[in-house]
Amino acid sequence: MRTGRASALTDTGRRRPHNEDTFVCDPPLFA
């Protein structure tokens, strides 16, 4: 087995003034 397709997406949303989320999409590490 192996890692296939991967995707990551972040959005501020409609009420917060800025985005405090961070993602990592770096196979084999995801966070």
PDB file of all heavy atoms in Angstrom:
ATOM      1  N   MET A   1       0.837  -1.192   0.000  1.00  0.00           N
ATOM      2  CA  MET A   1       0.000   0.000   0.000  1.00  0.00           C
ATOM      3  C   MET A   1       0.870   1.239   0.000  1.00  0.00           C
ATOM      4  O   MET A   1       2.034   1.195   0.401  1.00  0.00           O
ATOM      5  CB  MET A   1      -0.918   0.039   1.213  1.00  0.00           C
ATOM      6  CG  MET A   1      -0.210  -0.112   2.555  1.00  0.00           C
ATOM      7  SD  MET A   1      -0.947   0.828   3.900  1.00  0.00           S
ATOM      8  CE  MET A   1      -0.073   2.381   3.735  1.00  0.00           C
ATOM      9  N   ARG A   2       0.298   2.327  -0.460  1.00  0.00           N
ATOM     10  CA  ARG A   2       1.008   3.602  -0.440  1.00  0.00           C
ATOM     11  C   ARG A   2       0.001   4.748  -0.398  1.00  0.00           C
ATOM     12  O   ARG A   2      -1.199   4.546  -0.616  1.00  0.00           O
ATOM     13  CB  ARG A   2       1.934   3.743  -1.647  1.00  0.00           C
ATOM     14  CG  ARG A   2       1.230   3.757  -2.991  1.00  0.00           C
ATOM     15  CD  ARG A   2       2.239   3.766  -4.123  1.00  0.00           C
ATOM     16  NE  ARG A   2       1.614   3.751  -5.431  1.00  0.00           N
ATOM     17  CZ  ARG A   2       1.251   4.836  -6.093  1.00  0.00           C
ATOM     18  NH1 ARG A   2       1.441   6.043  -5.558  1.00  0.00           N
ATOM     19  NH2 ARG A   2       0.698   4.749  -7.287  1.00  0.00           N
ATOM     20  N   THR A   3       0.496   5.936  -0.135  1.00  0.00           N
ATOM     21  CA  THR A   3      -0.355   7.122  -0.115  1.00  0.00           C
ATOM     22  C   THR A   3      -0.676   7.551  -1.537  1.00  0.00           C
ATOM     23  O   THR A   3       0.220   7.624  -2.387  1.00  0.00           O
ATOM     24  CB  THR A   3       0.352   8.269   0.629  1.00  0.00           C
ATOM     25  OG1 THR A   3       0.749   7.821   1.916  1.00  0.00           O
ATOM     26  CG2 THR A   3      -0.569   9.460   0.778  1.00  0.00           C
ATOM     27  N   GLY A   4      -1.932   7.817  -1.797  1.00  0.00           N
ATOM     28  CA  GLY A   4      -2.355   8.252  -3.122  1.00  0.00           C
ATOM     29  C   GLY A   4      -2.560   9.754  -3.186  1.00  0.00           C
ATOM     30  O   GLY A   4      -1.722  10.535  -2.721  1.00  0.00           O
ATOM     31  N   ARG A   5      -3.692  10.172  -3.735  1.00  0.00           N
ATOM     32  CA  ARG A   5      -3.967  11.603  -3.889  1.00  0.00           C
ATOM     33  C   ARG A   5      -4.151  12.261  -2.521  1.00  0.00           C
ATOM     34  O   ARG A   5      -4.635  11.634  -1.578  1.00  0.00           O
ATOM     35  CB  ARG A   5      -5.225  11.804  -4.723  1.00  0.00           C
ATOM     36  CG  ARG A   5      -5.130  11.299  -6.147  1.00  0.00           C
ATOM     37  CD  ARG A   5      -6.484  11.356  -6.828  1.00  0.00           C
ATOM     38  NE  ARG A   5      -7.449  10.484  -6.185  1.00  0.00           N
ATOM     39  CZ  ARG A   5      -8.741  10.407  -6.512  1.00  0.00           C
ATOM     40  NH1 ARG A   5      -9.217  11.193  -7.463  1.00  0.00           N
ATOM     41  NH2 ARG A   5      -9.552   9.582  -5.878  1.00  0.00           N
ATOM     42  N   ALA A   6      -3.760  13.513  -2.448  1.00  0.00           N
ATOM     43  CA  ALA A   6      -3.910  14.280  -1.207  1.00  0.00           C
ATOM     44  C   ALA A   6      -4.255  15.718  -1.554  1.00  0.00           C
ATOM     45  O   ALA A   6      -3.877  16.231  -2.611  1.00  0.00           O
ATOM     46  CB  ALA A   6      -2.636  14.230  -0.377  1.00  0.00           C
ATOM     47  N   SER A   7      -4.988  16.368  -0.665  1.00  0.00           N
ATOM     48  CA  SER A   7      -5.369  17.758  -0.887  1.00  0.00           C
ATOM     49  C   SER A   7      -5.619  18.430   0.455  1.00  0.00           C
ATOM     50  O   SER A   7      -5.993  17.770   1.430  1.00  0.00           O
ATOM     51  CB  SER A   7      -6.628  17.843  -1.752  1.00  0.00           C
ATOM     52  OG  SER A   7      -6.936  19.183  -2.090  1.00  0.00           O
ATOM     53  N   ALA A   8      -5.410  19.721   0.509  1.00  0.00           N
ATOM     54  CA  ALA A   8      -5.662  20.492   1.727  1.00  0.00           C
ATOM     55  C   ALA A   8      -6.228  21.850   1.349  1.00  0.00           C
ATOM     56  O   ALA A   8      -5.864  22.430   0.325  1.00  0.00           O
ATOM     57  CB  ALA A   8      -4.383  20.666   2.532  1.00  0.00           C
ATOM     58  N   LEU A   9      -7.118  22.337   2.188  1.00  0.00           N
ATOM     59  CA  LEU A   9      -7.795  23.600   1.907  1.00  0.00           C
ATOM     60  C   LEU A   9      -8.116  24.304   3.212  1.00  0.00           C
ATOM     61  O   LEU A   9      -8.567  23.667   4.169  1.00  0.00           O
ATOM     62  CB  LEU A   9      -9.083  23.320   1.128  1.00  0.00           C
ATOM     63  CG  LEU A   9      -9.915  24.502   0.641  1.00  0.00           C
ATOM     64  CD1 LEU A   9      -9.135  25.337  -0.356  1.00  0.00           C
ATOM     65  CD2 LEU A   9     -11.198  23.997  -0.005  1.00  0.00           C
ATOM     66  N   THR A  10      -7.857  25.592   3.275  1.00  0.00           N
ATOM     67  CA  THR A  10      -8.210  26.376   4.464  1.00  0.00           C
ATOM     68  C   THR A  10      -8.947  27.635   4.044  1.00  0.00           C
ATOM     69  O   THR A  10      -8.697  28.189   2.972  1.00  0.00           O
ATOM     70  CB  THR A  10      -6.957  26.723   5.292  1.00  0.00           C
ATOM     71  OG1 THR A  10      -7.358  27.291   6.547  1.00  0.00           O
ATOM     72  CG2 THR A  10      -6.035  27.693   4.578  1.00  0.00           C
ATOM     73  N   ASP A  11      -9.863  28.073   4.908  1.00  0.00           N
ATOM     74  CA  ASP A  11     -10.681  29.242   4.612  1.00  0.00           C
ATOM     75  C   ASP A  11     -10.956  29.994   5.903  1.00  0.00           C
ATOM     76  O   ASP A  11     -11.162  29.387   6.956  1.00  0.00           O
ATOM     77  CB  ASP A  11     -11.998  28.809   3.960  1.00  0.00           C
ATOM     78  CG  ASP A  11     -12.812  29.998   3.465  1.00  0.00           C
ATOM     79  OD1 ASP A  11     -12.383  30.616   2.480  1.00  0.00           O
ATOM     80  OD2 ASP A  11     -13.849  30.305   4.064  1.00  0.00           O
ATOM     81  N   THR A  12     -10.967  31.310   5.833  1.00  0.00           N
ATOM     82  CA  THR A  12     -11.185  32.127   7.019  1.00  0.00           C
ATOM     83  C   THR A  12     -12.585  31.963   7.589  1.00  0.00           C
ATOM     84  O   THR A  12     -12.804  32.102   8.796  1.00  0.00           O
ATOM     85  CB  THR A  12     -10.941  33.619   6.689  1.00  0.00           C
ATOM     86  OG1 THR A  12      -9.647  33.756   6.123  1.00  0.00           O
ATOM     87  CG2 THR A  12     -11.041  34.478   7.928  1.00  0.00           C
ATOM     88  N   GLY A  13     -13.560  31.631   6.724  1.00  0.00           N
ATOM     89  CA  GLY A  13     -14.940  31.589   7.161  1.00  0.00           C
ATOM     90  C   GLY A  13     -15.600  32.940   6.977  1.00  0.00           C
ATOM     91  O   GLY A  13     -15.020  33.861   6.398  1.00  0.00           O
ATOM     92  N   ARG A  14     -16.789  33.097   7.490  1.00  0.00           N
ATOM     93  CA  ARG A  14     -17.560  34.309   7.243  1.00  0.00           C
ATOM     94  C   ARG A  14     -17.644  35.261   8.437  1.00  0.00           C
ATOM     95  O   ARG A  14     -18.193  36.348   8.299  1.00  0.00           O
ATOM     96  CB  ARG A  14     -18.978  33.931   6.795  1.00  0.00           C
ATOM     97  CG  ARG A  14     -18.993  33.114   5.513  1.00  0.00           C
ATOM     98  CD  ARG A  14     -20.398  32.902   5.000  1.00  0.00           C
ATOM     99  NE  ARG A  14     -20.405  32.104   3.775  1.00  0.00           N
ATOM    100  CZ  ARG A  14     -20.192  32.577   2.564  1.00  0.00           C
ATOM    101  NH1 ARG A  14     -19.928  33.866   2.396  1.00  0.00           N
ATOM    102  NH2 ARG A  14     -20.222  31.786   1.506  1.00  0.00           N
ATOM    103  N   ARG A  15     -17.107  34.854   9.576  1.00  0.00           N
ATOM    104  CA  ARG A  15     -17.258  35.712  10.753  1.00  0.00           C
ATOM    105  C   ARG A  15     -15.941  36.122  11.394  1.00  0.00           C
ATOM    106  O   ARG A  15     -15.898  37.131  12.094  1.00  0.00           O
ATOM    107  CB  ARG A  15     -18.130  35.008  11.804  1.00  0.00           C
ATOM    108  CG  ARG A  15     -19.536  34.714  11.324  1.00  0.00           C
ATOM    109  CD  ARG A  15     -20.425  34.270  12.462  1.00  0.00           C
ATOM    110  NE  ARG A  15     -21.737  33.830  12.007  1.00  0.00           N
ATOM    111  CZ  ARG A  15     -22.687  33.375  12.798  1.00  0.00           C
ATOM    112  NH1 ARG A  15     -22.480  33.293  14.109  1.00  0.00           N
ATOM    113  NH2 ARG A  15     -23.841  32.980  12.301  1.00  0.00           N
ATOM    114  N   ARG A  16     -14.885  35.353  11.191  1.00  0.00           N
ATOM    115  CA  ARG A  16     -13.611  35.683  11.815  1.00  0.00           C
ATOM    116  C   ARG A  16     -12.831  36.680  10.958  1.00  0.00           C
ATOM    117  O   ARG A  16     -12.846  36.583   9.720  1.00  0.00           O
ATOM    118  CB  ARG A  16     -12.775  34.417  12.023  1.00  0.00           C
ATOM    119  CG  ARG A  16     -13.391  33.421  13.008  1.00  0.00           C
ATOM    120  CD  ARG A  16     -13.467  34.027  14.410  1.00  0.00           C
ATOM    121  NE  ARG A  16     -14.088  33.113  15.364  1.00  0.00           N
ATOM    122  CZ  ARG A  16     -13.424  32.247  16.116  1.00  0.00           C
ATOM    123  NH1 ARG A  16     -12.114  32.161  16.004  1.00  0.00           N
ATOM    124  NH2 ARG A  16     -14.063  31.471  16.961  1.00  0.00           N
ATOM    125  N   PRO A  17     -12.118  37.622  11.585  1.00  0.00           N
ATOM    126  CA  PRO A  17     -11.376  38.614  10.803  1.00  0.00           C
ATOM    127  C   PRO A  17     -10.126  38.050  10.148  1.00  0.00           C
ATOM    128  O   PRO A  17      -9.635  38.608   9.167  1.00  0.00           O
ATOM    129  CB  PRO A  17     -11.016  39.687  11.839  1.00  0.00           C
ATOM    130  CG  PRO A  17     -11.001  38.949  13.143  1.00  0.00           C
ATOM    131  CD  PRO A  17     -12.075  37.912  13.037  1.00  0.00           C
ATOM    132  N   HIS A  18      -9.564  36.975  10.677  1.00  0.00           N
ATOM    133  CA  HIS A  18      -8.384  36.378  10.074  1.00  0.00           C
ATOM    134  C   HIS A  18      -8.331  34.888  10.413  1.00  0.00           C
ATOM    135  O   HIS A  18      -9.107  34.403  11.233  1.00  0.00           O
ATOM    136  CB  HIS A  18      -7.106  37.081  10.525  1.00  0.00           C
ATOM    137  CG  HIS A  18      -6.878  37.028  12.006  1.00  0.00           C
ATOM    138  ND1 HIS A  18      -7.482  37.909  12.884  1.00  0.00           N
ATOM    139  CD2 HIS A  18      -6.134  36.189  12.775  1.00  0.00           C
ATOM    140  CE1 HIS A  18      -7.108  37.621  14.120  1.00  0.00           C
ATOM    141  NE2 HIS A  18      -6.299  36.573  14.081  1.00  0.00           N
ATOM    142  N   ASN A  19      -7.400  34.201   9.775  1.00  0.00           N
ATOM    143  CA  ASN A  19      -7.321  32.747   9.878  1.00  0.00           C
ATOM    144  C   ASN A  19      -6.190  32.342  10.810  1.00  0.00           C
ATOM    145  O   ASN A  19      -5.042  32.710  10.591  1.00  0.00           O
ATOM    146  CB  ASN A  19      -7.095  32.145   8.480  1.00  0.00           C
ATOM    147  CG  ASN A  19      -7.434  30.676   8.421  1.00  0.00           C
ATOM    148  OD1 ASN A  19      -7.417  29.974   9.423  1.00  0.00           O
ATOM    149  ND2 ASN A  19      -7.731  30.200   7.220  1.00  0.00           N
ATOM    150  N   GLU A  20      -6.516  31.575  11.850  1.00  0.00           N
ATOM    151  CA  GLU A  20      -5.511  31.097  12.793  1.00  0.00           C
ATOM    152  C   GLU A  20      -5.184  29.620  12.578  1.00  0.00           C
ATOM    153  O   GLU A  20      -4.457  29.025  13.368  1.00  0.00           O
ATOM    154  CB  GLU A  20      -5.985  31.325  14.236  1.00  0.00           C
ATOM    155  CG  GLU A  20      -6.158  32.794  14.581  1.00  0.00           C
ATOM    156  CD  GLU A  20      -6.562  33.024  16.026  1.00  0.00           C
ATOM    157  OE1 GLU A  20      -6.724  32.040  16.769  1.00  0.00           O
ATOM    158  OE2 GLU A  20      -6.712  34.196  16.410  1.00  0.00           O
ATOM    159  N   ASP A  21      -5.718  29.028  11.511  1.00  0.00           N
ATOM    160  CA  ASP A  21      -5.432  27.634  11.198  1.00  0.00           C
ATOM    161  C   ASP A  21      -4.169  27.523  10.343  1.00  0.00           C
ATOM    162  O   ASP A  21      -3.865  28.413   9.540  1.00  0.00           O
ATOM    163  CB  ASP A  21      -6.580  27.003  10.411  1.00  0.00           C
ATOM    164  CG  ASP A  21      -7.815  26.753  11.259  1.00  0.00           C
ATOM    165  OD1 ASP A  21      -7.781  27.058  12.474  1.00  0.00           O
ATOM    166  OD2 ASP A  21      -8.813  26.262  10.708  1.00  0.00           O
ATOM    167  N   THR A  22      -3.474  26.414  10.492  1.00  0.00           N
ATOM    168  CA  THR A  22      -2.357  26.057   9.625  1.00  0.00           C
ATOM    169  C   THR A  22      -2.481  24.578   9.289  1.00  0.00           C
ATOM    170  O   THR A  22      -2.896  23.801  10.134  1.00  0.00           O
ATOM    171  CB  THR A  22      -1.003  26.311  10.310  1.00  0.00           C
ATOM    172  OG1 THR A  22      -0.927  27.667  10.734  1.00  0.00           O
ATOM    173  CG2 THR A  22       0.164  26.030   9.369  1.00  0.00           C
ATOM    174  N   PHE A  23      -2.127  24.201   8.067  1.00  0.00           N
ATOM    175  CA  PHE A  23      -2.143  22.782   7.740  1.00  0.00           C
ATOM    176  C   PHE A  23      -0.787  22.343   7.210  1.00  0.00           C
ATOM    177  O   PHE A  23       0.005  23.151   6.737  1.00  0.00           O
ATOM    178  CB  PHE A  23      -3.250  22.443   6.731  1.00  0.00           C
ATOM    179  CG  PHE A  23      -3.090  23.051   5.357  1.00  0.00           C
ATOM    180  CD1 PHE A  23      -2.158  22.569   4.456  1.00  0.00           C
ATOM    181  CD2 PHE A  23      -3.900  24.097   4.955  1.00  0.00           C
ATOM    182  CE1 PHE A  23      -2.019  23.116   3.192  1.00  0.00           C
ATOM    183  CE2 PHE A  23      -3.788  24.660   3.693  1.00  0.00           C
ATOM    184  CZ  PHE A  23      -2.838  24.162   2.807  1.00  0.00           C
ATOM    185  N   VAL A  24      -0.536  21.064   7.286  1.00  0.00           N
ATOM    186  CA  VAL A  24       0.622  20.443   6.662  1.00  0.00           C
ATOM    187  C   VAL A  24       0.103  19.326   5.770  1.00  0.00           C
ATOM    188  O   VAL A  24      -0.649  18.459   6.219  1.00  0.00           O
ATOM    189  CB  VAL A  24       1.609  19.874   7.694  1.00  0.00           C
ATOM    190  CG1 VAL A  24       2.761  19.150   7.000  1.00  0.00           C
ATOM    191  CG2 VAL A  24       2.161  20.980   8.594  1.00  0.00           C
ATOM    192  N   CYS A  25       0.476  19.370   4.508  1.00  0.00           N
ATOM    193  CA  CYS A  25       0.111  18.333   3.550  1.00  0.00           C
ATOM    194  C   CYS A  25       1.390  17.923   2.841  1.00  0.00           C
ATOM    195  O   CYS A  25       1.706  18.383   1.745  1.00  0.00           O
ATOM    196  CB  CYS A  25      -0.936  18.870   2.570  1.00  0.00           C
ATOM    197  SG  CYS A  25      -1.618  17.630   1.443  1.00  0.00           S
ATOM    198  N   ASP A  26       2.162  17.076   3.501  1.00  0.00           N
ATOM    199  CA  ASP A  26       3.514  16.731   3.072  1.00  0.00           C
ATOM    200  C   ASP A  26       3.695  15.226   3.229  1.00  0.00           C
ATOM    201  O   ASP A  26       4.280  14.762   4.197  1.00  0.00           O
ATOM    202  CB  ASP A  26       4.529  17.501   3.934  1.00  0.00           C
ATOM    203  CG  ASP A  26       5.959  17.330   3.456  1.00  0.00           C
ATOM    204  OD1 ASP A  26       6.165  16.673   2.423  1.00  0.00           O
ATOM    205  OD2 ASP A  26       6.869  17.844   4.127  1.00  0.00           O
ATOM    206  N   PRO A  27       3.136  14.424   2.292  1.00  0.00           N
ATOM    207  CA  PRO A  27       3.171  12.969   2.449  1.00  0.00           C
ATOM    208  C   PRO A  27       4.569  12.454   2.821  1.00  0.00           C
ATOM    209  O   PRO A  27       5.547  12.904   2.223  1.00  0.00           O
ATOM    210  CB  PRO A  27       2.760  12.461   1.067  1.00  0.00           C
ATOM    211  CG  PRO A  27       1.964  13.592   0.474  1.00  0.00           C
ATOM    212  CD  PRO A  27       2.579  14.845   1.013  1.00  0.00           C
ATOM    213  N   PRO A  28       4.655  11.615   3.847  1.00  0.00           N
ATOM    214  CA  PRO A  28       3.581  10.880   4.517  1.00  0.00           C
ATOM    215  C   PRO A  28       3.024  11.576   5.764  1.00  0.00           C
ATOM    216  O   PRO A  28       2.361  10.939   6.575  1.00  0.00           O
ATOM    217  CB  PRO A  28       4.288   9.586   4.929  1.00  0.00           C
ATOM    218  CG  PRO A  28       5.675  10.039   5.268  1.00  0.00           C
ATOM    219  CD  PRO A  28       5.987  11.121   4.266  1.00  0.00           C
ATOM    220  N   LEU A  29       3.265  12.888   5.909  1.00  0.00           N
ATOM    221  CA  LEU A  29       2.841  13.619   7.101  1.00  0.00           C
ATOM    222  C   LEU A  29       1.702  14.572   6.755  1.00  0.00           C
ATOM    223  O   LEU A  29       1.799  15.348   5.796  1.00  0.00           O
ATOM    224  CB  LEU A  29       4.020  14.417   7.673  1.00  0.00           C
ATOM    225  CG  LEU A  29       3.768  15.201   8.956  1.00  0.00           C
ATOM    226  CD1 LEU A  29       3.580  14.245  10.128  1.00  0.00           C
ATOM    227  CD2 LEU A  29       4.915  16.154   9.232  1.00  0.00           C
ATOM    228  N   PHE A  30       0.643  14.500   7.556  1.00  0.00           N
ATOM    229  CA  PHE A  30      -0.531  15.347   7.332  1.00  0.00           C
ATOM    230  C   PHE A  30      -0.995  15.881   8.689  1.00  0.00           C
ATOM    231  O   PHE A  30      -1.031  15.134   9.671  1.00  0.00           O
ATOM    232  CB  PHE A  30      -1.661  14.553   6.686  1.00  0.00           C
ATOM    233  CG  PHE A  30      -1.260  13.861   5.414  1.00  0.00           C
ATOM    234  CD1 PHE A  30      -0.758  12.563   5.442  1.00  0.00           C
ATOM    235  CD2 PHE A  30      -1.372  14.503   4.189  1.00  0.00           C
ATOM    236  CE1 PHE A  30      -0.378  11.917   4.270  1.00  0.00           C
ATOM    237  CE2 PHE A  30      -1.001  13.864   3.010  1.00  0.00           C
ATOM    238  CZ  PHE A  30      -0.499  12.565   3.058  1.00  0.00           C
ATOM    239  N   ALA A  31      -1.373  17.158   8.743  1.00  0.00           N
ATOM    240  CA  ALA A  31      -1.752  17.726  10.038  1.00  0.00           C
ATOM    241  C   ALA A  31      -2.618  18.958   9.876  1.00  0.00           C
ATOM    242  O   ALA A  31      -2.581  19.646   8.843  1.00  0.00           O
ATOM    243  CB  ALA A  31      -0.503  18.089  10.845  1.00  0.00           C
TER     244      ALA A  31
END
